[in-house]
N, C-alpha and C. Protein backbone atom coordinates (compact mmCIF):
# COMPACT_ATOMS: atom_id res chain seq x y z
N MET A 1 -9.97 -20.43 -16.29
CA MET A 1 -11.11 -20.30 -15.32
C MET A 1 -11.43 -19.01 -15.70
N ALA A 2 -13.32 -19.39 -16.07
CA ALA A 2 -13.82 -17.56 -16.01
C ALA A 2 -14.31 -17.05 -14.78
N ASP A 3 -13.94 -17.50 -13.67
CA ASP A 3 -13.70 -17.12 -12.80
C ASP A 3 -12.32 -16.49 -12.00
N ARG A 4 -11.20 -16.66 -12.83
CA ARG A 4 -10.19 -16.19 -12.15
C ARG A 4 -10.26 -14.60 -12.22
N VAL A 5 -9.57 -14.21 -10.97
CA VAL A 5 -9.25 -12.72 -11.05
C VAL A 5 -8.07 -12.11 -11.55
N PRO A 6 -7.72 -11.23 -11.86
CA PRO A 6 -6.64 -10.50 -12.28
C PRO A 6 -5.26 -10.48 -11.20
N LEU A 7 -5.27 -10.27 -10.02
CA LEU A 7 -4.58 -10.43 -9.01
C LEU A 7 -5.41 -11.31 -7.45
N ASP A 8 -4.03 -11.53 -6.82
CA ASP A 8 -4.92 -12.07 -5.30
C ASP A 8 -4.21 -11.52 -4.12
N PHE A 9 -4.89 -10.76 -3.32
CA PHE A 9 -4.31 -10.70 -2.50
C PHE A 9 -4.13 -11.04 -1.28
N ASP A 10 -4.43 -12.41 -1.37
CA ASP A 10 -4.34 -12.84 0.29
C ASP A 10 -2.68 -13.13 0.35
N SER A 11 -1.82 -13.66 -0.61
CA SER A 11 0.01 -13.51 0.09
C SER A 11 0.03 -11.87 0.66
N PRO A 12 -0.10 -11.02 -0.05
CA PRO A 12 0.60 -9.65 0.05
C PRO A 12 -0.19 -9.40 1.68
N VAL A 13 -1.67 -9.60 1.65
CA VAL A 13 -2.24 -9.38 3.00
C VAL A 13 -1.73 -10.02 4.14
N ARG A 14 -1.21 -11.57 3.92
CA ARG A 14 -0.57 -12.07 4.87
C ARG A 14 0.57 -11.90 5.61
N VAL A 15 1.64 -11.18 4.36
CA VAL A 15 2.79 -10.72 4.55
C VAL A 15 2.95 -9.46 5.77
N LEU A 16 2.12 -8.78 5.16
CA LEU A 16 1.60 -7.45 6.04
C LEU A 16 0.83 -7.67 7.29
N ARG A 17 0.57 -8.40 7.43
CA ARG A 17 -0.48 -8.59 9.23
C ARG A 17 0.68 -9.18 9.70
N ALA A 18 1.65 -10.04 9.14
CA ALA A 18 2.80 -10.30 9.75
C ALA A 18 4.12 -9.51 10.03
N LEU A 19 4.12 -8.52 9.29
CA LEU A 19 4.65 -7.42 9.98
C LEU A 19 4.65 -6.60 11.12
N LEU A 20 3.11 -6.07 11.06
CA LEU A 20 2.54 -5.81 11.78
C LEU A 20 2.77 -6.21 13.09
N LEU A 21 2.78 -7.64 13.43
CA LEU A 21 3.09 -8.25 14.46
C LEU A 21 4.37 -7.72 14.94
N GLY A 22 5.59 -7.50 14.06
CA GLY A 22 6.42 -6.69 14.49
C GLY A 22 7.10 -5.33 14.67
N VAL A 23 6.23 -5.00 14.83
CA VAL A 23 5.47 -3.45 14.82
C VAL A 23 6.03 -3.27 16.42
N ASP A 24 6.58 -2.52 17.26
CA ASP A 24 6.68 -2.14 18.80
C ASP A 24 6.20 -0.83 18.45
N ASP A 25 5.26 -0.50 19.70
CA ASP A 25 4.95 0.55 20.09
C ASP A 25 6.07 1.82 20.11
N GLY A 26 7.47 1.79 20.23
CA GLY A 26 8.39 2.61 20.10
C GLY A 26 8.53 2.67 19.34
N GLU A 27 8.52 2.31 18.02
CA GLU A 27 8.60 2.54 17.17
C GLU A 27 7.43 3.17 15.87
N LEU A 28 6.62 3.91 16.50
CA LEU A 28 5.55 4.57 15.86
C LEU A 28 5.77 5.48 15.35
N ALA A 29 6.71 6.61 16.27
CA ALA A 29 7.24 7.49 15.96
C ALA A 29 8.48 7.44 14.86
N ASN A 30 8.92 6.49 14.36
CA ASN A 30 9.75 6.24 13.15
C ASN A 30 9.56 6.83 11.91
N PRO A 31 10.47 7.51 11.32
CA PRO A 31 10.21 8.05 9.76
C PRO A 31 10.04 7.04 9.03
N THR A 32 9.09 6.91 7.99
CA THR A 32 9.07 6.17 7.04
C THR A 32 9.64 6.70 5.60
N PRO A 33 10.04 5.69 4.61
CA PRO A 33 10.41 6.31 3.08
C PRO A 33 9.23 7.41 2.45
N CYS A 34 7.61 7.24 3.22
CA CYS A 34 6.95 8.43 2.81
C CYS A 34 7.08 9.71 3.42
N PRO A 35 7.50 11.10 2.65
CA PRO A 35 7.80 11.88 3.41
C PRO A 35 7.04 12.48 4.49
N GLY A 36 7.36 12.72 5.32
CA GLY A 36 6.61 13.58 6.29
C GLY A 36 5.69 12.57 7.05
N TRP A 37 5.85 11.08 6.92
CA TRP A 37 5.07 10.17 7.30
C TRP A 37 5.49 9.24 8.73
N SER A 38 4.71 9.70 9.64
CA SER A 38 5.89 8.59 10.80
C SER A 38 5.00 6.92 10.77
N VAL A 39 5.58 5.92 10.84
CA VAL A 39 4.91 4.94 11.30
C VAL A 39 3.32 5.03 11.79
N ALA A 40 3.22 5.26 12.64
CA ALA A 40 1.71 5.66 13.14
C ALA A 40 1.16 6.25 12.26
N THR A 41 1.41 6.90 11.01
CA THR A 41 0.56 7.92 9.98
C THR A 41 0.57 7.10 9.08
N LEU A 42 1.57 6.50 8.73
CA LEU A 42 1.47 5.19 7.69
C LEU A 42 0.24 4.08 8.03
N LEU A 43 0.10 3.61 9.54
CA LEU A 43 -0.60 2.58 10.01
C LEU A 43 -2.02 3.25 9.66
N ASP A 44 -1.78 4.26 9.97
CA ASP A 44 -3.66 4.87 9.78
C ASP A 44 -4.04 5.34 8.70
N HIS A 45 -2.76 5.36 7.61
CA HIS A 45 -3.43 5.10 6.04
C HIS A 45 -3.58 4.00 5.67
N LEU A 46 -3.53 2.94 6.22
CA LEU A 46 -3.27 1.71 5.49
C LEU A 46 -4.79 1.21 6.05
N MET A 47 -5.01 1.49 7.59
CA MET A 47 -6.62 1.44 7.88
C MET A 47 -7.86 1.84 6.93
N GLY A 48 -7.33 3.28 6.40
CA GLY A 48 -8.49 3.89 5.18
C GLY A 48 -8.48 3.71 3.81
N LEU A 49 -7.48 3.15 3.72
CA LEU A 49 -7.09 2.92 2.34
C LEU A 49 -7.35 0.81 2.61
N SER A 50 -7.56 0.35 3.28
CA SER A 50 -8.17 -0.84 3.30
C SER A 50 -9.87 -0.91 2.73
N VAL A 51 -10.42 -0.03 3.47
CA VAL A 51 -12.14 -0.16 3.85
C VAL A 51 -12.21 1.04 2.67
N ALA A 52 -11.81 1.68 2.06
CA ALA A 52 -11.52 2.41 0.70
C ALA A 52 -11.95 1.25 -0.55
N PHE A 53 -10.87 0.73 -0.31
CA PHE A 53 -10.68 -0.18 -1.73
C PHE A 53 -11.78 -1.20 -1.22
N THR A 54 -11.87 -1.95 -0.35
CA THR A 54 -12.82 -2.94 -0.07
C THR A 54 -14.02 -2.23 -0.47
N GLN A 55 -14.76 -1.26 -0.04
CA GLN A 55 -16.02 -0.19 -0.62
C GLN A 55 -16.17 -0.31 -2.69
N ALA A 56 -14.58 -0.11 -2.84
CA ALA A 56 -14.19 0.18 -3.98
C ALA A 56 -14.94 -1.16 -5.03
N ALA A 57 -14.64 -2.49 -4.10
CA ALA A 57 -14.58 -3.77 -4.89
C ALA A 57 -16.18 -3.98 -4.96
N HIS A 58 -16.79 -3.40 -3.84
CA HIS A 58 -17.82 -3.78 -3.67
C HIS A 58 -19.04 -2.97 -4.40
N LYS A 59 -18.46 -2.09 -4.74
CA LYS A 59 -19.24 -0.98 -6.30
C LYS A 59 -19.97 0.32 -5.13
N ARG A 60 -19.47 0.19 -4.07
CA ARG A 60 -19.96 1.23 -3.03
C ARG A 60 -19.63 2.40 -3.38
N VAL A 61 -21.06 3.26 -3.72
CA VAL A 61 -20.64 5.01 -4.04
C VAL A 61 -21.25 5.79 -2.82
N ASP A 62 -21.69 4.85 -1.87
CA ASP A 62 -22.13 5.82 -0.34
C ASP A 62 -21.25 6.08 0.53
N GLY A 63 -20.18 5.09 0.43
CA GLY A 63 -19.37 4.89 2.16
C GLY A 63 -18.86 6.32 2.55
N PRO A 64 -18.43 6.13 3.50
CA PRO A 64 -17.18 7.25 3.98
C PRO A 64 -16.13 7.10 3.26
N ALA A 65 -15.54 5.94 3.03
CA ALA A 65 -14.60 6.08 1.99
C ALA A 65 -14.60 6.82 0.85
N THR A 66 -15.62 6.63 0.19
CA THR A 66 -15.38 6.73 -1.36
C THR A 66 -15.05 7.96 -1.68
N SER A 67 -15.79 9.08 -1.06
CA SER A 67 -15.13 10.53 -1.47
C SER A 67 -13.71 10.93 -0.79
N SER A 68 -13.26 11.79 -0.89
CA SER A 68 -12.06 12.05 -0.48
C SER A 68 -11.61 12.25 1.03
N ALA A 69 -10.78 11.36 0.97
CA ALA A 69 -10.33 11.43 2.99
C ALA A 69 -9.46 12.06 3.09
N PRO A 70 -9.38 12.39 4.05
CA PRO A 70 -8.69 13.10 5.11
C PRO A 70 -7.86 12.55 5.39
N GLU A 71 -6.42 13.56 5.16
CA GLU A 71 -4.82 13.53 5.07
C GLU A 71 -4.68 12.63 6.13
N PRO A 72 -3.95 11.66 6.67
CA PRO A 72 -3.86 10.25 7.11
C PRO A 72 -2.85 11.25 8.57
N SER A 73 -3.20 10.30 9.48
CA SER A 73 -2.16 11.56 10.73
C SER A 73 -2.23 10.75 11.99
N ALA A 74 -0.97 10.71 12.51
CA ALA A 74 -0.49 9.85 13.99
C ALA A 74 -1.67 9.88 14.74
N GLN A 75 -2.14 11.30 14.94
CA GLN A 75 -3.55 11.31 15.87
C GLN A 75 -4.59 11.12 15.57
N HIS A 76 -4.65 10.49 14.79
CA HIS A 76 -6.30 9.58 14.03
C HIS A 76 -6.30 8.39 14.42
N LEU A 77 -4.85 7.70 14.57
CA LEU A 77 -4.86 6.11 13.94
C LEU A 77 -5.43 5.44 15.38
N THR A 78 -6.31 4.73 15.73
CA THR A 78 -7.07 4.19 16.39
C THR A 78 -6.20 3.50 17.72
N ARG A 79 -6.79 3.40 19.00
CA ARG A 79 -5.00 2.91 19.77
C ARG A 79 -5.50 1.22 19.52
N HIS A 80 -6.94 0.63 19.11
CA HIS A 80 -6.98 -0.67 18.79
C HIS A 80 -6.51 -0.93 17.23
N TRP A 81 -5.84 -0.25 16.83
CA TRP A 81 -5.19 -0.83 15.25
C TRP A 81 -4.72 -2.31 15.21
N ARG A 82 -4.14 -2.73 16.28
CA ARG A 82 -3.62 -4.30 16.54
C ARG A 82 -4.53 -5.25 15.81
N SER A 83 -5.77 -5.02 16.75
CA SER A 83 -6.80 -6.02 16.61
C SER A 83 -7.71 -5.43 14.80
N ARG A 84 -7.80 -3.72 14.89
CA ARG A 84 -8.61 -3.69 14.05
C ARG A 84 -7.81 -3.90 12.46
N LEU A 85 -6.43 -3.27 12.11
CA LEU A 85 -5.76 -3.43 11.17
C LEU A 85 -6.28 -4.84 10.28
N PRO A 86 -5.92 -5.79 11.03
CA PRO A 86 -6.12 -7.28 10.59
C PRO A 86 -7.09 -7.93 9.80
N VAL A 87 -8.41 -6.94 10.60
CA VAL A 87 -9.88 -7.16 10.20
C VAL A 87 -9.87 -7.15 8.38
N LEU A 88 -9.73 -5.72 8.55
CA LEU A 88 -9.92 -4.75 7.29
C LEU A 88 -9.11 -5.18 6.59
N LEU A 89 -7.63 -5.35 6.58
CA LEU A 89 -6.78 -5.87 5.53
C LEU A 89 -7.43 -7.51 4.97
N GLU A 90 -7.82 -8.39 5.98
CA GLU A 90 -8.88 -9.55 5.63
C GLU A 90 -9.83 -9.39 4.84
N ASP A 91 -10.74 -7.86 5.39
CA ASP A 91 -12.10 -7.73 4.10
C ASP A 91 -11.44 -7.39 2.88
N LEU A 92 -10.31 -6.68 3.02
CA LEU A 92 -10.08 -6.08 1.63
C LEU A 92 -9.73 -7.55 0.84
N ALA A 93 -8.59 -8.32 0.85
CA ALA A 93 -8.43 -8.95 0.38
C ALA A 93 -9.71 -10.48 0.26
N ASN A 94 -10.80 -10.50 0.76
CA ASN A 94 -12.04 -11.31 0.26
C ASN A 94 -12.80 -10.75 -0.66
N SER A 95 -12.70 -8.96 -0.61
CA SER A 95 -13.55 -8.94 -1.15
C SER A 95 -13.08 -8.67 -2.70
N TRP A 96 -11.66 -8.57 -3.17
CA TRP A 96 -11.32 -8.74 -4.14
C TRP A 96 -11.39 -10.13 -5.13
N LYS A 97 -11.51 -11.11 -3.78
CA LYS A 97 -11.91 -12.43 -4.89
C LYS A 97 -13.00 -12.69 -6.05
N ASP A 98 -14.09 -11.72 -5.60
CA ASP A 98 -15.34 -11.51 -6.05
C ASP A 98 -15.08 -10.99 -7.61
N PRO A 99 -15.08 -11.90 -8.97
CA PRO A 99 -14.88 -11.05 -10.09
C PRO A 99 -15.62 -10.40 -10.82
N ALA A 100 -16.95 -9.86 -10.06
CA ALA A 100 -17.75 -8.53 -10.23
C ALA A 100 -16.72 -7.27 -9.92
N ALA A 101 -16.13 -7.51 -8.96
CA ALA A 101 -15.03 -6.19 -8.47
C ALA A 101 -14.02 -6.30 -9.48
N TRP A 102 -13.44 -6.68 -10.07
CA TRP A 102 -13.17 -6.56 -11.59
C TRP A 102 -13.93 -5.54 -12.74
N THR A 103 -14.88 -5.73 -12.64
CA THR A 103 -15.44 -5.23 -14.03
C THR A 103 -16.34 -4.29 -13.63
N GLY A 104 -16.55 -3.06 -14.80
CA GLY A 104 -17.19 -1.84 -14.78
C GLY A 104 -16.18 -0.56 -14.47
N THR A 105 -16.80 0.48 -13.88
CA THR A 105 -16.17 1.52 -13.17
C THR A 105 -16.45 0.75 -11.29
N SER A 106 -15.66 1.91 -10.77
CA SER A 106 -15.84 2.00 -9.42
C SER A 106 -15.08 3.29 -8.67
N GLN A 107 -15.22 3.21 -7.62
CA GLN A 107 -14.84 4.83 -6.65
C GLN A 107 -13.85 4.62 -5.73
N ALA A 108 -13.06 4.91 -5.26
CA ALA A 108 -12.05 4.84 -4.38
C ALA A 108 -11.77 6.73 -4.18
N GLY A 109 -11.64 6.96 -2.90
CA GLY A 109 -11.21 8.40 -2.46
C GLY A 109 -11.43 9.47 -3.26
N GLY A 110 -12.94 9.31 -3.68
CA GLY A 110 -13.49 10.51 -4.67
C GLY A 110 -12.89 10.23 -6.32
N VAL A 111 -12.17 9.11 -6.32
CA VAL A 111 -11.68 9.40 -8.36
C VAL A 111 -12.57 7.94 -8.43
N THR A 112 -13.06 8.21 -9.92
CA THR A 112 -13.85 7.28 -10.32
C THR A 112 -12.93 6.24 -11.63
N MET A 113 -12.84 5.42 -11.60
CA MET A 113 -12.07 5.03 -12.28
C MET A 113 -12.35 3.57 -13.28
N PRO A 114 -11.95 2.74 -13.78
CA PRO A 114 -12.01 1.46 -14.38
C PRO A 114 -11.95 0.62 -13.42
N ALA A 115 -12.64 -0.47 -12.59
CA ALA A 115 -12.62 -1.36 -11.50
C ALA A 115 -11.04 -2.13 -11.53
N ALA A 116 -10.95 -2.88 -12.71
CA ALA A 116 -9.70 -3.18 -12.97
C ALA A 116 -8.33 -2.81 -12.68
N ALA A 117 -8.39 -1.25 -13.05
CA ALA A 117 -7.64 -0.30 -12.35
C ALA A 117 -7.45 0.16 -11.57
N LEU A 118 -8.41 -0.02 -10.88
CA LEU A 118 -8.35 0.35 -9.22
C LEU A 118 -7.83 -0.68 -8.03
N GLY A 119 -8.01 -1.97 -8.75
CA GLY A 119 -7.69 -3.03 -8.52
C GLY A 119 -6.35 -2.78 -8.29
N HIS A 120 -5.40 -2.84 -9.16
CA HIS A 120 -3.99 -2.78 -9.20
C HIS A 120 -3.69 -1.29 -8.49
N VAL A 121 -4.43 -0.30 -8.40
CA VAL A 121 -4.02 0.77 -7.36
C VAL A 121 -3.81 -0.05 -6.16
N ALA A 122 -5.45 -0.43 -5.62
CA ALA A 122 -4.87 -1.22 -4.24
C ALA A 122 -3.68 -2.01 -4.30
N MET A 123 -3.89 -2.99 -4.75
CA MET A 123 -2.96 -3.79 -4.97
C MET A 123 -1.25 -3.04 -4.70
N ASN A 124 -1.20 -2.23 -5.34
CA ASN A 124 -0.06 -1.19 -5.58
C ASN A 124 0.58 -0.71 -4.04
N GLU A 125 -0.86 -0.06 -3.69
CA GLU A 125 -1.07 0.64 -2.12
C GLU A 125 -0.28 -0.54 -1.25
N LEU A 126 -0.83 -1.91 -1.13
CA LEU A 126 -0.53 -2.77 -0.10
C LEU A 126 0.88 -3.10 -0.47
N ILE A 127 1.42 -3.52 -1.38
CA ILE A 127 2.79 -3.88 -1.37
C ILE A 127 3.88 -2.44 -1.38
N MET A 128 3.52 -1.54 -1.74
CA MET A 128 4.51 -0.22 -1.59
C MET A 128 4.20 -0.29 -0.41
N HIS A 129 3.35 0.25 0.71
CA HIS A 129 3.61 0.20 1.97
C HIS A 129 3.77 -0.60 2.82
N SER A 130 3.51 -1.74 2.60
CA SER A 130 4.03 -3.01 3.05
C SER A 130 5.50 -2.66 3.05
N TRP A 131 6.06 -2.62 1.99
CA TRP A 131 7.84 -2.28 2.13
C TRP A 131 8.28 -1.24 3.12
N ASP A 132 7.38 0.02 3.18
CA ASP A 132 7.62 1.59 3.48
C ASP A 132 7.59 0.80 5.33
N LEU A 133 6.56 -0.23 5.61
CA LEU A 133 6.45 -0.24 6.93
C LEU A 133 7.73 -1.45 7.59
N ALA A 134 7.81 -2.41 6.33
CA ALA A 134 9.13 -3.35 7.07
C ALA A 134 10.54 -2.17 7.04
N ARG A 135 10.86 -1.49 5.79
CA ARG A 135 11.77 -0.48 5.77
C ARG A 135 11.73 0.29 7.36
N ALA A 136 10.65 1.32 7.85
CA ALA A 136 10.92 1.90 8.79
C ALA A 136 10.60 1.16 10.31
N THR A 137 10.57 -0.15 9.73
CA THR A 137 10.91 -1.13 11.43
C THR A 137 12.09 -2.22 11.76
N GLY A 138 12.63 -1.89 10.02
CA GLY A 138 13.68 -2.77 10.46
C GLY A 138 13.59 -4.24 10.07
N GLN A 139 12.29 -3.94 9.58
CA GLN A 139 12.08 -5.82 9.18
C GLN A 139 12.34 -6.25 7.65
N GLU A 140 12.29 -8.01 7.60
CA GLU A 140 12.41 -8.02 6.28
C GLU A 140 11.15 -8.12 5.42
N TYR A 141 11.49 -7.51 4.13
CA TYR A 141 9.88 -7.94 3.17
C TYR A 141 9.91 -8.90 1.81
N PHE A 142 9.11 -10.03 1.75
CA PHE A 142 9.45 -10.63 0.88
C PHE A 142 8.30 -10.59 -0.17
N VAL A 143 8.34 -10.46 -1.15
CA VAL A 143 6.50 -10.49 -2.51
C VAL A 143 6.80 -11.75 -3.31
N ASP A 144 5.61 -11.81 -3.49
CA ASP A 144 5.66 -13.11 -4.63
C ASP A 144 5.87 -12.52 -6.01
N PRO A 145 6.96 -12.86 -6.53
CA PRO A 145 7.35 -12.35 -7.97
C PRO A 145 6.17 -12.09 -8.69
N ARG A 146 5.05 -13.59 -8.93
CA ARG A 146 3.92 -13.71 -9.71
C ARG A 146 3.03 -12.02 -9.11
N THR A 147 3.33 -11.72 -8.10
CA THR A 147 2.28 -10.62 -8.21
C THR A 147 2.77 -9.30 -8.51
N LEU A 148 4.06 -9.14 -8.64
CA LEU A 148 5.30 -7.78 -9.08
C LEU A 148 4.78 -7.71 -10.25
N GLU A 149 4.97 -9.13 -11.23
CA GLU A 149 4.96 -8.80 -12.98
C GLU A 149 3.73 -8.28 -13.68
N PRO A 150 2.31 -8.26 -13.02
CA PRO A 150 1.22 -7.35 -13.66
C PRO A 150 1.50 -6.40 -12.87
N LEU A 151 2.23 -6.09 -11.75
CA LEU A 151 2.01 -4.42 -11.11
C LEU A 151 2.61 -3.88 -11.75
N ILE A 152 3.99 -4.39 -12.37
CA ILE A 152 5.23 -3.74 -12.69
C ILE A 152 4.20 -3.38 -13.93
N GLU A 153 3.69 -4.00 -15.21
CA GLU A 153 3.07 -3.66 -16.54
C GLU A 153 2.21 -2.67 -16.18
N PHE A 154 1.42 -2.85 -15.06
CA PHE A 154 0.85 -1.61 -14.80
C PHE A 154 1.01 -0.18 -14.49
N LEU A 155 2.27 -0.49 -13.35
CA LEU A 155 2.55 0.96 -12.99
C LEU A 155 3.71 1.33 -14.63
N ALA A 156 4.05 0.98 -15.48
CA ALA A 156 5.11 1.13 -16.28
C ALA A 156 4.19 1.88 -16.95
N GLN A 157 2.81 1.76 -17.53
CA GLN A 157 2.09 2.68 -18.33
C GLN A 157 1.83 4.06 -17.53
N GLY A 158 2.09 4.35 -16.50
CA GLY A 158 2.40 5.87 -16.00
C GLY A 158 3.78 6.71 -16.26
N SER A 159 3.38 7.75 -16.06
CA SER A 159 4.48 8.74 -16.39
C SER A 159 5.63 9.37 -15.61
N ASP A 160 6.71 8.93 -16.52
CA ASP A 160 7.66 9.15 -15.41
C ASP A 160 7.47 10.24 -14.99
N GLU A 161 7.38 11.25 -15.24
CA GLU A 161 7.12 12.56 -13.75
C GLU A 161 6.37 12.07 -12.40
N GLY A 162 5.71 11.08 -12.70
CA GLY A 162 5.25 10.16 -11.31
C GLY A 162 3.50 11.16 -11.52
N THR A 163 2.72 10.83 -10.32
CA THR A 163 1.47 11.08 -10.40
C THR A 163 0.89 11.95 -9.29
N PRO A 164 0.98 12.66 -9.34
CA PRO A 164 0.70 14.02 -7.81
C PRO A 164 -0.28 13.04 -6.73
N GLY A 165 0.21 13.09 -5.45
CA GLY A 165 -0.39 12.53 -4.57
C GLY A 165 -0.37 11.32 -4.62
N LEU A 166 -0.05 10.58 -5.64
CA LEU A 166 -0.12 8.63 -5.88
C LEU A 166 1.30 8.65 -5.91
N PHE A 167 2.21 8.85 -7.05
CA PHE A 167 3.58 8.71 -6.96
C PHE A 167 4.74 9.72 -7.61
N GLY A 168 5.81 9.10 -6.71
CA GLY A 168 6.91 10.00 -6.78
C GLY A 168 7.68 9.95 -7.79
N PRO A 169 8.65 11.10 -8.97
CA PRO A 169 9.04 10.53 -10.43
C PRO A 169 9.35 9.40 -10.12
N VAL A 170 9.86 8.35 -11.65
CA VAL A 170 10.80 7.81 -11.35
C VAL A 170 12.06 7.79 -10.77
N VAL A 171 12.79 6.34 -10.26
CA VAL A 171 14.02 6.66 -9.89
C VAL A 171 14.27 5.91 -11.00
N PRO A 172 16.17 6.52 -11.19
CA PRO A 172 16.52 5.44 -12.08
C PRO A 172 17.00 4.08 -11.64
N ILE A 173 17.35 3.03 -11.87
CA ILE A 173 17.97 2.23 -11.39
C ILE A 173 18.39 1.33 -12.50
N ASP A 174 19.48 0.12 -12.36
CA ASP A 174 19.84 -0.21 -13.16
C ASP A 174 19.40 -1.19 -13.98
N ASP A 175 20.49 -2.05 -14.71
CA ASP A 175 19.60 -3.29 -15.48
C ASP A 175 19.60 -4.84 -14.43
N GLU A 176 20.48 -4.71 -13.26
CA GLU A 176 19.86 -5.86 -12.86
C GLU A 176 18.90 -5.67 -11.58
N ALA A 177 18.22 -4.79 -11.43
CA ALA A 177 17.37 -4.64 -10.22
C ALA A 177 16.15 -5.63 -10.51
N THR A 178 15.94 -6.40 -9.23
CA THR A 178 14.58 -7.08 -8.98
C THR A 178 13.83 -6.22 -9.16
N LEU A 179 12.33 -7.61 -9.33
CA LEU A 179 11.59 -7.19 -9.71
C LEU A 179 10.75 -6.08 -8.80
N LEU A 180 11.37 -6.38 -7.45
CA LEU A 180 10.89 -5.29 -6.45
C LEU A 180 11.24 -4.34 -6.51
N ASP A 181 12.44 -4.28 -6.44
CA ASP A 181 13.15 -2.85 -6.83
C ASP A 181 12.50 -2.21 -8.47
N GLN A 182 12.39 -2.34 -9.31
CA GLN A 182 11.31 -2.20 -10.19
C GLN A 182 10.48 -1.25 -9.98
N ALA A 183 9.28 -2.34 -8.81
CA ALA A 183 8.25 -1.80 -8.91
C ALA A 183 8.08 -0.59 -7.74
N LEU A 184 9.28 -0.25 -7.22
CA LEU A 184 9.74 0.76 -6.13
C LEU A 184 10.10 1.76 -6.79
N ALA A 185 10.69 1.68 -7.87
CA ALA A 185 11.06 2.89 -8.82
C ALA A 185 10.37 3.28 -9.46
N LEU A 186 8.93 2.24 -9.88
CA LEU A 186 8.37 2.99 -11.04
C LEU A 186 7.35 3.97 -9.76
N THR A 187 7.56 3.62 -8.77
CA THR A 187 6.52 4.57 -7.80
C THR A 187 7.40 5.58 -6.99
N GLY A 188 8.47 5.88 -7.52
CA GLY A 188 9.25 7.06 -6.90
C GLY A 188 10.16 6.55 -5.51
N ARG A 189 10.21 5.50 -5.39
CA ARG A 189 10.71 4.90 -4.45
C ARG A 189 12.36 4.25 -4.42
N ASP A 190 12.91 4.78 -3.22
CA ASP A 190 14.67 4.39 -3.70
C ASP A 190 14.51 3.29 -2.65
N ALA A 191 14.98 1.85 -3.43
CA ALA A 191 15.23 0.36 -3.02
C ALA A 191 16.04 0.54 -1.93
N LYS A 192 17.16 1.51 -1.76
CA LYS A 192 18.28 1.72 -0.67
C LYS A 192 17.88 2.69 0.49
N TRP A 193 17.28 2.82 0.21
CA TRP A 193 16.75 3.59 1.56
C TRP A 193 16.57 3.26 3.00
N ARG A 194 17.32 3.79 3.83
CA ARG A 194 17.14 3.28 5.03
C ARG A 194 17.02 4.51 6.31
N PRO A 195 15.90 4.28 7.32
CA PRO A 195 15.82 5.39 8.19
C PRO A 195 17.21 5.91 8.52
N PRO A 196 16.86 7.50 8.99
CA PRO A 196 18.43 8.14 9.59
C PRO A 196 18.51 7.28 10.98
N ARG A 197 20.15 7.54 10.81
CA ARG A 197 20.62 7.09 12.39
C ARG A 197 19.99 7.55 13.13
N ARG A 198 20.19 7.78 14.49
CA ARG A 198 19.70 8.57 15.34
C ARG A 198 21.08 8.99 16.31
N ARG A 199 20.84 10.42 16.39
CA ARG A 199 22.06 10.81 17.43
C ARG A 199 22.37 10.56 19.18
N ARG A 200 22.91 10.40 18.87
CA ARG A 200 23.41 10.06 20.14
C ARG A 200 23.39 10.80 21.19
N ALA A 201 22.81 11.09 22.80
CA ALA A 201 22.66 11.93 23.12
C ALA A 201 24.03 12.42 23.89
N ALA A 202 23.88 14.17 24.15
CA ALA A 202 25.15 14.61 24.48
C ALA A 202 25.77 13.80 26.03
N ALA A 203 27.24 13.29 25.92
CA ALA A 203 27.12 12.61 27.53
C ALA A 203 27.11 13.91 28.45
């Protein structure tokens, strides 16, 4: 089909929205696989990236999220995130349904690159941070293999040393690793990561 786009954001967005429903307020301070980030910090980042990549799909160069964004912070997370973030994610999914979003060049976070590459970066951010959230809050995470295959192909083009500010160094995996484990490894994540156990208070 002439109007077919490389990646479909609908399924990953539905999965992430379901994960958001499983986040308890008491888990906002939990650590995540992202070094130094709590769940609240991760949610603030998801808010920002949703806006940034939606604007990128629309080729906006004058929006607030097209320039370098401030570091994610738990203190910046709006108290209305439960109602606001699902809407932003839906906007993100809809914006990349337009074939024009994947053509030419675009900009997000102060970086200009081919729009098709930005679309893949947006999908990677969505999937990796969904996994981060699931791990940090003890939830299961599932992703469609049809989304992972082109994403792995895209990620494999990067350096094994990682990309500062985006990916860590590639993590070694065995030959029987799942597609999700392969994608995680290419972004510098350890598929075996679990939150550290909390120490019991002394009696």
